[in-house]
Amino acid sequence: MAETLNDGFDGGGDDLDFGLEDGSEGLDDCGFLDDCAEDQVYAPRLKKPVVSAYRNARAMAERLALEKDCNYYAFVSGAFVFGDILEAWAERHKIREIYVSTLGLGVENVDSLINCIALHGARRVNLIVSHYFFGVERHRLVRYISEEIGGLPFRVAVAAWASMGF
């Protein structure tokens, strides 16, 4: 198989000759790496965390009208606890059932979803997480979810990728 792939390929010939073997200037010789002579450590700039106040989530829940059998889709930056909005919706609109499909979530979001049932009267929460999230978090956050939901009507499903043979 390898012979078939390499038939007629000469490595680019003269077109890819960078002159490094014949003594001409390479990257080190032309001063390109002078600034890299010492180890350097770059610390990323830290953004100030945006504090998510539950009152802001409540104000958003009041502005967004819910209709029967409606769906809302959101892309969020992660700068706030999105579960607060769901909890405020459940409190404001007396939502009966919540479906959340996500690639991942944090403890605060799990707590908000549990509060939707325990404090705000939602009859059921359905959480669909990615198989990657489940695999990475199965010993930490997935265990936390299973311990915290107890006998609550809280269902968790794992979306797995499957090849359909197309």
Foldseek 3Di string as FASTA:
>chain_A
DVCVVCVPPPPCPPNPCPPPVVPDDDCVRVCVCVVVPDDDDDDDDDDDQDEDDLVVLLVVLVVDDDDPPDDDDDDDPPSYQPLSNVLSNLQPVVAAEEEEEDQDHDPVNLVSQLCSVVPRPHQAYEYEYEPVRCVVCVVPVVVVSVVPCVPGRYHYHYDYDDDPPD
